[in-house]
Amino acid sequence: MKKGYSTFNLGLSALSGVGESTEDPAFERALHYVYEHVDQFYNFKGLHEFKEKFHPTWSPRYLIYPNPANLPLVALAMIRADSGDDVISSYFWRRGHVGSLSPQNA
């Protein structure tokens, strides 16, 4: 490589490959829907497509959680770990949907 590095880490591609089979549990299929269609909060699919341009060697990672009711909080924690604490609030700030949490009132 140009700078002498033989490898580098592109990080995770969250939700990629989750719930693609009709035999997968309903909550995994719901996560697949999020991956495919809900990009106004976080563009899971777009990020995966960007990383795919580098022809990475993907290695699976698994998430263990206590029950499906915890998945929204788990997803939020993963997004915050990847993008920072303000990723969700900044979405609402850009669209003017946050009242007392807007940057002017912070």
Protein backbone atom coordinates (compact mmCIF):
# COMPACT_ATOMS: atom_id res chain seq x y z
CA MET A 1 0.00 0.00 0.00
CA LYS A 2 1.04 3.59 -0.52
CA LYS A 3 1.90 4.38 3.12
CA GLY A 4 3.34 0.96 3.92
CA TYR A 5 0.29 -0.45 5.70
CA SER A 6 -0.65 -3.99 4.78
CA THR A 7 -4.15 -3.82 6.36
CA PHE A 8 -6.52 -1.40 7.98
CA ASN A 9 -9.80 -1.75 9.84
CA LEU A 10 -13.01 -0.41 8.29
CA GLY A 11 -14.98 -1.17 11.45
CA LEU A 12 -18.32 -2.90 11.53
CA SER A 13 -21.03 -3.04 8.95
CA ALA A 14 -23.92 -3.11 11.40
CA LEU A 15 -27.00 -5.15 10.46
CA SER A 16 -25.42 -6.37 7.23
CA GLY A 17 -26.70 -9.88 6.56
CA VAL A 18 -29.16 -9.86 9.48
CA GLY A 19 -32.65 -11.20 8.79
CA GLU A 20 -32.18 -11.89 5.10
CA SER A 21 -33.75 -15.35 5.21
CA THR A 22 -37.48 -15.93 5.48
CA GLU A 23 -36.60 -18.52 8.14
CA ASP A 24 -34.97 -15.90 10.40
CA PRO A 25 -36.90 -14.76 13.49
CA ALA A 26 -39.33 -11.88 12.97
CA PHE A 27 -37.24 -9.37 14.93
CA GLU A 28 -34.20 -10.15 12.75
CA ARG A 29 -36.32 -9.63 9.63
CA ALA A 30 -37.44 -6.31 11.15
CA LEU A 31 -33.78 -5.35 11.60
CA HIS A 32 -33.20 -6.24 7.95
CA TYR A 33 -35.99 -3.81 7.05
CA VAL A 34 -34.23 -1.12 9.11
CA TYR A 35 -30.98 -1.90 7.27
CA GLU A 36 -32.69 -1.60 3.88
CA HIS A 37 -35.04 1.33 4.42
CA VAL A 38 -34.54 3.47 7.51
CA ASP A 39 -31.62 5.65 6.50
CA GLN A 40 -32.82 9.04 7.74
CA PHE A 41 -31.34 8.25 11.17
CA TYR A 42 -28.33 6.17 10.19
CA ASN A 43 -27.50 4.88 6.73
CA PHE A 44 -26.48 1.28 7.53
CA LYS A 45 -26.73 0.12 3.92
CA GLY A 46 -24.96 3.17 2.49
CA LEU A 47 -22.08 2.77 4.93
CA HIS A 48 -21.75 -0.90 3.99
CA GLU A 49 -21.76 0.00 0.27
CA PHE A 50 -19.06 2.62 0.87
CA LYS A 51 -16.86 0.17 2.74
CA GLU A 52 -17.45 -2.48 0.07
CA LYS A 53 -15.57 -0.26 -2.43
CA PHE A 54 -12.35 -1.18 -0.63
CA HIS A 55 -12.96 -4.91 -1.24
CA PRO A 56 -12.61 -5.82 2.44
CA THR A 57 -12.32 -9.25 3.90
CA TRP A 58 -15.41 -9.31 6.09
CA SER A 59 -15.34 -11.35 9.27
CA PRO A 60 -18.57 -12.06 11.14
CA ARG A 61 -19.32 -10.49 14.51
CA TYR A 62 -22.18 -11.58 16.70
CA LEU A 63 -24.31 -9.68 19.13
CA ILE A 64 -25.77 -11.41 22.15
CA TYR A 65 -28.69 -9.71 23.85
CA PRO A 66 -31.07 -10.77 26.63
CA ASN A 67 -34.33 -10.50 24.64
CA PRO A 68 -35.81 -8.72 21.61
CA ALA A 69 -37.27 -5.97 23.79
CA ASN A 70 -33.69 -4.78 24.41
CA LEU A 71 -32.84 -4.42 20.71
CA PRO A 72 -33.78 -0.74 20.31
CA LEU A 73 -31.46 0.19 23.18
CA VAL A 74 -28.76 -2.12 21.84
CA ALA A 75 -29.05 -0.52 18.38
CA LEU A 76 -28.84 2.96 19.89
CA ALA A 77 -25.77 1.97 21.90
CA MET A 78 -24.08 0.59 18.78
CA ILE A 79 -24.83 3.75 16.80
CA ARG A 80 -23.55 5.93 19.63
CA ALA A 81 -20.39 3.84 19.95
CA ASP A 82 -19.74 4.17 16.22
CA SER A 83 -20.83 7.78 15.63
CA GLY A 84 -20.79 9.55 18.97
CA ASP A 85 -23.35 10.61 21.52
CA ASP A 86 -25.00 13.32 19.47
CA VAL A 87 -25.82 11.41 16.26
CA ILE A 88 -29.56 11.04 17.01
CA SER A 89 -30.06 14.53 18.45
CA SER A 90 -28.18 16.13 15.55
CA TYR A 91 -30.65 14.50 13.16
CA PHE A 92 -33.53 16.24 14.93
CA TRP A 93 -31.64 19.54 15.22
CA ARG A 94 -31.12 19.63 11.46
CA ARG A 95 -34.86 19.19 10.98
CA GLY A 96 -35.95 21.56 13.76
CA HIS A 97 -37.80 18.86 15.76
CA VAL A 98 -36.02 19.29 19.07
CA GLY A 99 -37.29 22.09 21.30
CA SER A 100 -35.47 22.38 24.59
CA LEU A 101 -32.60 20.18 23.35
CA SER A 102 -31.67 22.44 20.43
CA PRO A 103 -28.07 23.72 20.28
CA GLN A 104 -29.23 27.25 21.16
CA ASN A 105 -30.72 26.00 24.45
CA ALA A 106 -27.97 23.56 25.35
